[in-house]
Amino acid sequence: MASSALPTLPPAFPLGPPAESAVSGAAVVPLPGPRPVPDAEASGSGGVARWYERVLGWAAVEGPPVQLPTGLRFDALDLPATAGFAVLRRVGGGWPVALCGDRMLMLVAAGSADELPGLLDWLEWGGVGLDLAARGTGGRMPAPTPPGWNGPGTPGAAVWLRPPEPGREVEPALPGLPPFARAVGGGDVTGLARLVSVAATECHRARLLGVGTPRAAGQRLASS
C-alpha cells in the first residue's frame, strides 16, 4: 500500500539559527543602506542636462556650465539678488526662482521679455537705470544644480531658491500678462505687471541705498 505521507519540500531559506539582536529572541533584519545623493560635479554636465530633459522635459545645453534656453517654456526676469529677496518678501507666488551669484533669476511666462520695456514705460519707469532686465527668445540662463543633488562647490554657481517640481508643468505657475497669468499659490493671482512693478521699485531702492554693484550699461542684458 502506498504511503500517504506528503513529500518533504526543501526549505525556502537556508537553515540555521537567525542572528539575535540585543532584544532576546528578535531576529535582525538587515536594512538597505541609504541611496547615494547624486553629485553634480561627478555626473558632469551631461548628467545635469539629462536630468532637466528627462525629469522636467526642459531643453538643456551641455556645458560646462549647463545652460537652459529661455523663450521656449519660460523667460527669466534678471535683477540684483538684494532687490530680488525684497521682491519675494512682498509678492506671493510659487514660480521657480534661482540665485546666480549676486543675481536672481525669476522664471516668468514665455514672451515676457518682449513685454518688459513696454511695461516699464507704462509703469513710468521707462528710461530709469534699474539694472532690471529679462532673458527671452534666443537667451540662456545657467542651469541650477538639480534639487537634492550635491552642488559643484563653485562660488557663484546657480542654485534653486524655489525649485521646479518634477512631474508638474511649470507654465501654469509663471507670472504673465492676461490671459497667460494663472492662479498660483492657492488662488493668489500674481501677474507680470504686479511683479515688474515691485521689482522696479526694489531695484530703484537698492540703487539709491547703494546696495550691490549695478552693471555698466554695456554689460546689461537686453530687455527684448
C-alpha atoms as a PDB file:
ATOM      1  CA  MET A   1       0.000   0.000   0.000  1.00  0.00           C
ATOM      2  CA  ALA A   2       1.448   3.396  -0.999  1.00  0.00           C
ATOM      3  CA  SER A   3       2.409   5.763   1.795  1.00  0.00           C
ATOM      4  CA  SER A   4       0.049   8.711   2.301  1.00  0.00           C
ATOM      5  CA  ALA A   5       2.805  10.930   3.721  1.00  0.00           C
ATOM      6  CA  LEU A   6       3.371  14.162   1.783  1.00  0.00           C
ATOM      7  CA  PRO A   7       6.770  14.573   0.144  1.00  0.00           C
ATOM      8  CA  THR A   8       9.298  16.654   2.055  1.00  0.00           C
ATOM      9  CA  LEU A   9       9.991  20.020   0.348  1.00  0.00           C
ATOM     10  CA  PRO A  10      13.344  21.768   0.612  1.00  0.00           C
ATOM     11  CA  PRO A  11      13.360  24.794   2.922  1.00  0.00           C
ATOM     12  CA  ALA A  12      12.697  28.167   1.316  1.00  0.00           C
ATOM     13  CA  PHE A  13      15.678  29.693   3.120  1.00  0.00           C
ATOM     14  CA  PRO A  14      18.947  28.192   4.304  1.00  0.00           C
ATOM     15  CA  LEU A  15      18.564  26.551   7.660  1.00  0.00           C
ATOM     16  CA  GLY A  16      20.457  27.887  10.614  1.00  0.00           C
ATOM     17  CA  PRO A  17      19.872  29.970  13.696  1.00  0.00           C
ATOM     18  CA  PRO A  18      18.799  33.559  12.997  1.00  0.00           C
ATOM     19  CA  ALA A  19      21.003  36.360  14.206  1.00  0.00           C
ATOM     20  CA  GLU A  20      19.982  37.632  17.586  1.00  0.00           C
ATOM     21  CA  SER A  21      19.631  41.300  18.429  1.00  0.00           C
ATOM     22  CA  ALA A  22      20.064  42.903  21.771  1.00  0.00           C
ATOM     23  CA  VAL A  23      16.420  42.014  22.423  1.00  0.00           C
ATOM     24  CA  SER A  24      16.298  38.328  23.254  1.00  0.00           C
ATOM     25  CA  GLY A  25      14.712  36.241  20.521  1.00  0.00           C
ATOM     26  CA  ALA A  26      14.402  39.087  17.960  1.00  0.00           C
ATOM     27  CA  ALA A  27      15.916  38.344  14.577  1.00  0.00           C
ATOM     28  CA  VAL A  28      17.956  41.109  12.978  1.00  0.00           C
ATOM     29  CA  VAL A  29      16.696  42.020   9.525  1.00  0.00           C
ATOM     30  CA  PRO A  30      19.327  43.911   7.530  1.00  0.00           C
ATOM     31  CA  LEU A  31      18.051  47.191   6.110  1.00  0.00           C
ATOM     32  CA  PRO A  32      19.169  48.603   2.771  1.00  0.00           C
ATOM     33  CA  GLY A  33      21.728  51.349   3.032  1.00  0.00           C
ATOM     34  CA  PRO A  34      20.905  54.952   2.145  1.00  0.00           C
ATOM     35  CA  ARG A  35      20.753  55.761  -1.530  1.00  0.00           C
ATOM     36  CA  PRO A  36      23.725  57.835  -2.675  1.00  0.00           C
ATOM     37  CA  VAL A  37      22.995  61.503  -3.312  1.00  0.00           C
ATOM     38  CA  PRO A  38      23.653  62.450  -6.954  1.00  0.00           C
ATOM     39  CA  ASP A  39      26.667  64.690  -7.344  1.00  0.00           C
ATOM     40  CA  ALA A  40      26.552  67.417  -9.992  1.00  0.00           C
ATOM     41  CA  GLU A  41      30.322  67.554 -10.391  1.00  0.00           C
ATOM     42  CA  ALA A  42      30.759  63.766 -10.598  1.00  0.00           C
ATOM     43  CA  SER A  43      27.819  63.417 -13.011  1.00  0.00           C
ATOM     44  CA  GLY A  44      29.267  66.061 -15.287  1.00  0.00           C
ATOM     45  CA  SER A  45      27.350  68.466 -17.473  1.00  0.00           C
ATOM     46  CA  GLY A  46      25.793  65.554 -19.375  1.00  0.00           C
ATOM     47  CA  GLY A  47      24.181  64.158 -16.223  1.00  0.00           C
ATOM     48  CA  VAL A  48      22.755  67.531 -15.215  1.00  0.00           C
ATOM     49  CA  ALA A  49      21.455  68.204 -18.729  1.00  0.00           C
ATOM     50  CA  ARG A  50      19.808  64.773 -18.871  1.00  0.00           C
ATOM     51  CA  TRP A  51      18.062  65.432 -15.550  1.00  0.00           C
ATOM     52  CA  TYR A  52      16.451  68.588 -16.945  1.00  0.00           C
ATOM     53  CA  GLU A  53      15.481  66.879 -20.180  1.00  0.00           C
ATOM     54  CA  ARG A  54      14.134  63.635 -18.699  1.00  0.00           C
ATOM     55  CA  VAL A  55      12.706  64.747 -15.363  1.00  0.00           C
ATOM     56  CA  LEU A  56      11.353  68.200 -16.235  1.00  0.00           C
ATOM     57  CA  GLY A  57      11.081  67.938 -20.015  1.00  0.00           C
ATOM     58  CA  TRP A  58      13.094  71.155 -20.425  1.00  0.00           C
ATOM     59  CA  ALA A  59      15.609  71.789 -23.180  1.00  0.00           C
ATOM     60  CA  ALA A  60      19.178  71.959 -21.904  1.00  0.00           C
ATOM     61  CA  VAL A  61      22.536  72.736 -23.498  1.00  0.00           C
ATOM     62  CA  GLU A  62      25.512  70.814 -22.151  1.00  0.00           C
ATOM     63  CA  GLY A  63      28.401  72.839 -20.803  1.00  0.00           C
ATOM     64  CA  PRO A  64      30.157  73.363 -18.658  1.00  0.00           C
ATOM     65  CA  PRO A  65      28.182  75.077 -17.391  1.00  0.00           C
ATOM     66  CA  VAL A  66      24.854  73.592 -18.459  1.00  0.00           C
ATOM     67  CA  GLN A  67      22.531  76.248 -19.864  1.00  0.00           C
ATOM     68  CA  LEU A  68      18.729  76.389 -20.067  1.00  0.00           C
ATOM     69  CA  PRO A  69      17.384  78.147 -23.186  1.00  0.00           C
ATOM     70  CA  THR A  70      14.854  80.865 -22.422  1.00  0.00           C
ATOM     71  CA  GLY A  71      11.961  81.832 -24.652  1.00  0.00           C
ATOM     72  CA  LEU A  72      10.738  78.252 -25.076  1.00  0.00           C
ATOM     73  CA  ARG A  73       8.791  77.317 -21.947  1.00  0.00           C
ATOM     74  CA  PHE A  74       9.722  80.330 -19.845  1.00  0.00           C
ATOM     75  CA  ASP A  75      11.600  83.616 -19.785  1.00  0.00           C
ATOM     76  CA  ALA A  76      13.657  84.843 -16.833  1.00  0.00           C
ATOM     77  CA  LEU A  77      13.493  88.187 -15.063  1.00  0.00           C
ATOM     78  CA  ASP A  78      17.070  89.170 -14.141  1.00  0.00           C
ATOM     79  CA  LEU A  79      17.709  91.515 -11.219  1.00  0.00           C
ATOM     80  CA  PRO A  80      20.164  92.077  -8.352  1.00  0.00           C
ATOM     81  CA  ALA A  81      19.806  89.465  -5.620  1.00  0.00           C
ATOM     82  CA  THR A  82      19.314  92.103  -2.917  1.00  0.00           C
ATOM     83  CA  ALA A  83      16.326  93.520  -4.762  1.00  0.00           C
ATOM     84  CA  GLY A  84      15.114  90.037  -5.613  1.00  0.00           C
ATOM     85  CA  PHE A  85      14.879  88.936  -1.993  1.00  0.00           C
ATOM     86  CA  ALA A  86      12.846  92.061  -1.219  1.00  0.00           C
ATOM     87  CA  VAL A  87      10.518  91.208  -4.113  1.00  0.00           C
ATOM     88  CA  LEU A  88       9.989  87.673  -2.798  1.00  0.00           C
ATOM     89  CA  ARG A  89       9.029  89.086   0.605  1.00  0.00           C
ATOM     90  CA  ARG A  90       6.402  91.314  -0.994  1.00  0.00           C
ATOM     91  CA  VAL A  91       4.981  89.194  -3.806  1.00  0.00           C
ATOM     92  CA  GLY A  92       3.453  85.818  -3.080  1.00  0.00           C
ATOM     93  CA  GLY A  93       3.649  83.003  -5.581  1.00  0.00           C
ATOM     94  CA  GLY A  94       5.089  79.612  -6.335  1.00  0.00           C
ATOM     95  CA  TRP A  95       7.071  80.119  -9.540  1.00  0.00           C
ATOM     96  CA  PRO A  96      10.682  78.865  -9.707  1.00  0.00           C
ATOM     97  CA  VAL A  97      13.455  81.243  -8.620  1.00  0.00           C
ATOM     98  CA  ALA A  98      17.212  80.767  -8.997  1.00  0.00           C
ATOM     99  CA  LEU A  99      20.190  82.529  -7.422  1.00  0.00           C
ATOM    100  CA  CYS A 100      23.291  83.039  -9.574  1.00  0.00           C
ATOM    101  CA  GLY A 101      25.972  84.760  -7.543  1.00  0.00           C
ATOM    102  CA  ASP A 102      24.766  88.307  -6.905  1.00  0.00           C
ATOM    103  CA  ARG A 103      21.925  87.994  -9.424  1.00  0.00           C
ATOM    104  CA  MET A 104      18.477  86.482  -9.087  1.00  0.00           C
ATOM    105  CA  LEU A 105      16.535  84.899 -11.942  1.00  0.00           C
ATOM    106  CA  MET A 106      12.762  84.660 -11.607  1.00  0.00           C
ATOM    107  CA  LEU A 107      11.042  82.434 -14.146  1.00  0.00           C
ATOM    108  CA  VAL A 108       8.143  84.157 -15.887  1.00  0.00           C
ATOM    109  CA  ALA A 109       5.875  83.234 -18.796  1.00  0.00           C
ATOM    110  CA  ALA A 110       7.497  82.846 -22.214  1.00  0.00           C
ATOM    111  CA  GLY A 111       7.222  86.105 -24.132  1.00  0.00           C
ATOM    112  CA  SER A 112       7.510  88.272 -21.027  1.00  0.00           C
ATOM    113  CA  ALA A 113      10.937  89.570 -22.064  1.00  0.00           C
ATOM    114  CA  ASP A 114       9.329  91.243 -25.078  1.00  0.00           C
ATOM    115  CA  GLU A 115       6.764  92.895 -22.805  1.00  0.00           C
ATOM    116  CA  LEU A 116       9.250  94.280 -20.271  1.00  0.00           C
ATOM    117  CA  PRO A 117      10.166  97.580 -21.996  1.00  0.00           C
ATOM    118  CA  GLY A 118       6.527  98.470 -22.586  1.00  0.00           C
ATOM    119  CA  LEU A 119       5.583  97.508 -19.048  1.00  0.00           C
ATOM    120  CA  LEU A 120       8.328  99.708 -17.599  1.00  0.00           C
ATOM    121  CA  ASP A 121       7.116 102.635 -19.723  1.00  0.00           C
ATOM    122  CA  TRP A 122       3.512 102.034 -18.657  1.00  0.00           C
ATOM    123  CA  LEU A 123       4.602 101.895 -15.012  1.00  0.00           C
ATOM    124  CA  GLU A 124       6.528 105.180 -15.545  1.00  0.00           C
ATOM    125  CA  TRP A 125       9.904 103.540 -15.026  1.00  0.00           C
ATOM    126  CA  GLY A 126      10.990 103.945 -18.651  1.00  0.00           C
ATOM    127  CA  GLY A 127      14.432 105.499 -19.047  1.00  0.00           C
ATOM    128  CA  VAL A 128      15.352 104.940 -15.373  1.00  0.00           C
ATOM    129  CA  GLY A 129      18.503 102.899 -14.768  1.00  0.00           C
ATOM    130  CA  LEU A 130      17.152  99.989 -12.743  1.00  0.00           C
ATOM    131  CA  ASP A 131      19.561  97.120 -13.531  1.00  0.00           C
ATOM    132  CA  LEU A 132      16.435  95.109 -14.347  1.00  0.00           C
ATOM    133  CA  ALA A 133      16.336  93.008 -17.496  1.00  0.00           C
ATOM    134  CA  ALA A 134      14.846  89.821 -18.915  1.00  0.00           C
ATOM    135  CA  ARG A 135      16.162  86.821 -20.821  1.00  0.00           C
ATOM    136  CA  GLY A 136      13.856  85.706 -23.580  1.00  0.00           C
ATOM    137  CA  THR A 137      13.939  84.184 -27.058  1.00  0.00           C
ATOM    138  CA  GLY A 138      17.488  83.272 -28.025  1.00  0.00           C
ATOM    139  CA  GLY A 139      18.777  83.750 -24.484  1.00  0.00           C
ATOM    140  CA  ARG A 140      20.025  81.296 -21.889  1.00  0.00           C
ATOM    141  CA  MET A 141      20.326  81.024 -18.147  1.00  0.00           C
ATOM    142  CA  PRO A 142      22.703  78.881 -16.063  1.00  0.00           C
ATOM    143  CA  ALA A 143      21.122  75.574 -15.075  1.00  0.00           C
ATOM    144  CA  PRO A 144      20.975  75.386 -11.266  1.00  0.00           C
ATOM    145  CA  THR A 145      22.033  72.175  -9.563  1.00  0.00           C
ATOM    146  CA  PRO A 146      19.031  69.800  -9.595  1.00  0.00           C
ATOM    147  CA  PRO A 147      17.099  69.672  -6.290  1.00  0.00           C
ATOM    148  CA  GLY A 148      18.544  67.081  -3.892  1.00  0.00           C
ATOM    149  CA  TRP A 149      21.912  66.907  -5.667  1.00  0.00           C
ATOM    150  CA  ASN A 150      25.241  67.904  -4.206  1.00  0.00           C
ATOM    151  CA  GLY A 151      26.353  71.149  -5.782  1.00  0.00           C
ATOM    152  CA  PRO A 152      29.630  71.589  -7.667  1.00  0.00           C
ATOM    153  CA  GLY A 153      31.047  73.802  -4.927  1.00  0.00           C
ATOM    154  CA  THR A 154      31.932  76.548  -7.396  1.00  0.00           C
ATOM    155  CA  PRO A 155      31.488  80.045  -5.900  1.00  0.00           C
ATOM    156  CA  GLY A 156      28.552  81.796  -7.537  1.00  0.00           C
ATOM    157  CA  ALA A 157      27.200  78.608  -9.122  1.00  0.00           C
ATOM    158  CA  ALA A 158      23.482  78.734  -9.863  1.00  0.00           C
ATOM    159  CA  VAL A 159      21.212  77.197  -7.218  1.00  0.00           C
ATOM    160  CA  TRP A 160      17.456  76.932  -6.878  1.00  0.00           C
ATOM    161  CA  LEU A 161      15.869  79.058  -4.167  1.00  0.00           C
ATOM    162  CA  ARG A 162      12.456  77.805  -5.231  1.00  0.00           C
ATOM    163  CA  PRO A 163      12.926  74.734  -7.445  1.00  0.00           C
ATOM    164  CA  PRO A 164      10.519  73.469 -10.098  1.00  0.00           C
ATOM    165  CA  GLU A 165       8.503  70.398  -9.173  1.00  0.00           C
ATOM    166  CA  PRO A 166       9.203  67.206 -11.149  1.00  0.00           C
ATOM    167  CA  GLY A 167       6.084  65.829 -12.786  1.00  0.00           C
ATOM    168  CA  ARG A 168       4.342  69.188 -12.741  1.00  0.00           C
ATOM    169  CA  GLU A 169       4.123  71.567 -15.688  1.00  0.00           C
ATOM    170  CA  VAL A 170       5.852  74.853 -14.927  1.00  0.00           C
ATOM    171  CA  GLU A 171       3.806  77.125 -17.204  1.00  0.00           C
ATOM    172  CA  PRO A 172       0.641  77.439 -15.047  1.00  0.00           C
ATOM    173  CA  ALA A 173       2.637  78.861 -12.136  1.00  0.00           C
ATOM    174  CA  LEU A 174       4.537  81.521 -14.109  1.00  0.00           C
ATOM    175  CA  PRO A 175       3.605  85.204 -13.871  1.00  0.00           C
ATOM    176  CA  GLY A 176       2.478  86.583 -17.209  1.00  0.00           C
ATOM    177  CA  LEU A 177       0.128  89.038 -18.812  1.00  0.00           C
ATOM    178  CA  PRO A 178      -3.565  88.151 -19.221  1.00  0.00           C
ATOM    179  CA  PRO A 179      -4.735  85.730 -20.478  1.00  0.00           C
ATOM    180  CA  PHE A 180      -1.489  83.967 -19.632  1.00  0.00           C
ATOM    181  CA  ALA A 181      -1.431  84.925 -15.959  1.00  0.00           C
ATOM    182  CA  ARG A 182      -2.658  81.968 -13.927  1.00  0.00           C
ATOM    183  CA  ALA A 183      -3.755  81.457 -10.346  1.00  0.00           C
ATOM    184  CA  VAL A 184      -0.808  80.388  -8.196  1.00  0.00           C
ATOM    185  CA  GLY A 185      -0.341  79.801  -4.512  1.00  0.00           C
ATOM    186  CA  GLY A 186      -3.889  78.673  -3.816  1.00  0.00           C
ATOM    187  CA  GLY A 187      -5.752  81.403  -5.660  1.00  0.00           C
ATOM    188  CA  ASP A 188      -3.279  84.280  -5.415  1.00  0.00           C
ATOM    189  CA  VAL A 189      -3.130  85.697  -8.942  1.00  0.00           C
ATOM    190  CA  THR A 190       0.357  87.113  -9.472  1.00  0.00           C
ATOM    191  CA  GLY A 191       0.614  88.765 -12.861  1.00  0.00           C
ATOM    192  CA  LEU A 192       3.679  90.029 -14.659  1.00  0.00           C
ATOM    193  CA  ALA A 193       2.650  93.674 -14.249  1.00  0.00           C
ATOM    194  CA  ARG A 194       2.498  93.325 -10.458  1.00  0.00           C
ATOM    195  CA  LEU A 195       5.828  91.509 -10.369  1.00  0.00           C
ATOM    196  CA  VAL A 196       7.592  94.033 -12.603  1.00  0.00           C
ATOM    197  CA  SER A 197       6.158  96.956 -10.624  1.00  0.00           C
ATOM    198  CA  VAL A 198       7.530  95.606  -7.346  1.00  0.00           C
ATOM    199  CA  ALA A 199      10.819  94.552  -8.964  1.00  0.00           C
ATOM    200  CA  ALA A 200      11.350  98.034 -10.429  1.00  0.00           C
ATOM    201  CA  THR A 201      10.653  99.661  -7.068  1.00  0.00           C
ATOM    202  CA  GLU A 202      13.062  97.380  -5.223  1.00  0.00           C
ATOM    203  CA  CYS A 203      15.776  97.743  -7.869  1.00  0.00           C
ATOM    204  CA  HIS A 204      15.467 101.527  -7.638  1.00  0.00           C
ATOM    205  CA  ARG A 205      15.591 101.383  -3.844  1.00  0.00           C
ATOM    206  CA  ALA A 206      18.712  99.196  -3.950  1.00  0.00           C
ATOM    207  CA  ARG A 207      20.445 101.693  -6.235  1.00  0.00           C
ATOM    208  CA  LEU A 208      19.541 104.627  -4.010  1.00  0.00           C
ATOM    209  CA  LEU A 209      20.860 102.804  -0.950  1.00  0.00           C
ATOM    210  CA  GLY A 210      23.981 101.729  -2.784  1.00  0.00           C
ATOM    211  CA  VAL A 211      23.262  98.059  -2.178  1.00  0.00           C
ATOM    212  CA  GLY A 212      25.056  95.792  -4.639  1.00  0.00           C
ATOM    213  CA  THR A 213      27.078  96.837  -7.664  1.00  0.00           C
ATOM    214  CA  PRO A 214      24.972  97.946 -10.642  1.00  0.00           C
ATOM    215  CA  ARG A 215      26.163  96.721 -14.017  1.00  0.00           C
ATOM    216  CA  ALA A 216      27.690  99.045 -16.516  1.00  0.00           C
ATOM    217  CA  ALA A 217      25.398  99.947 -19.364  1.00  0.00           C
ATOM    218  CA  GLY A 218      27.387  97.891 -21.849  1.00  0.00           C
ATOM    219  CA  GLN A 219      27.152  94.799 -19.652  1.00  0.00           C
ATOM    220  CA  ARG A 220      23.422  94.841 -19.108  1.00  0.00           C
ATOM    221  CA  LEU A 221      21.281  92.160 -20.656  1.00  0.00           C
ATOM    222  CA  ALA A 222      18.952  93.072 -23.464  1.00  0.00           C
ATOM    223  CA  SER A 223      15.404  93.584 -22.304  1.00  0.00           C
ATOM    224  CA  SER A 224      13.839  92.425 -25.528  1.00  0.00           C
END
